Amino acid sequence: SHQRRTRMRSFTAALTALLASTAAAFAPNAAPQTCSAVSAMPDRMWDSMVDPNERSKALPFLPRPINLDGSMVGDVGFDPFYLSSIPKNFAGFIQPPQWEEVEGIPTLYWMREAELKHGRVC
């Protein structure tokens, strides 16, 4: 009986220590922050992807993507994920990578060619 009580006390102590350490993991950190949240934020890519003064004709509740200005046939500004505005150099996809720098292919041109290609395959 004495051995059983001793074992039960050690089990209770271990369980209490485990629960206390688990609760401490969710306690707020008392260390002061060195910088404010506003100054720690990186520049937003969103500002260079949309025209803040104009709305899309296809989706009037969204701003117009910067590359879809209506200059192409059928362009009414439908790009809800703003894929046409992501700055990416697609030159390596068309021609093999080279040692020298090559001029990039505009994202909108690449997306248009991909849409034509996959539309023909379907």
Foldseek 3Di string as FASTA:
>chain_A
DVVVVVVVVVVVVVVVVVVVVVVVVPDDDPDDDPDDPVVPDDDDPVVQQFDVVAAFQVDRVHGAGPVQPPPDPPRRRPDVPSQQRDDDFCPCVVDPDDPDDDDGDRSNVVVVVVCVVVVVVD
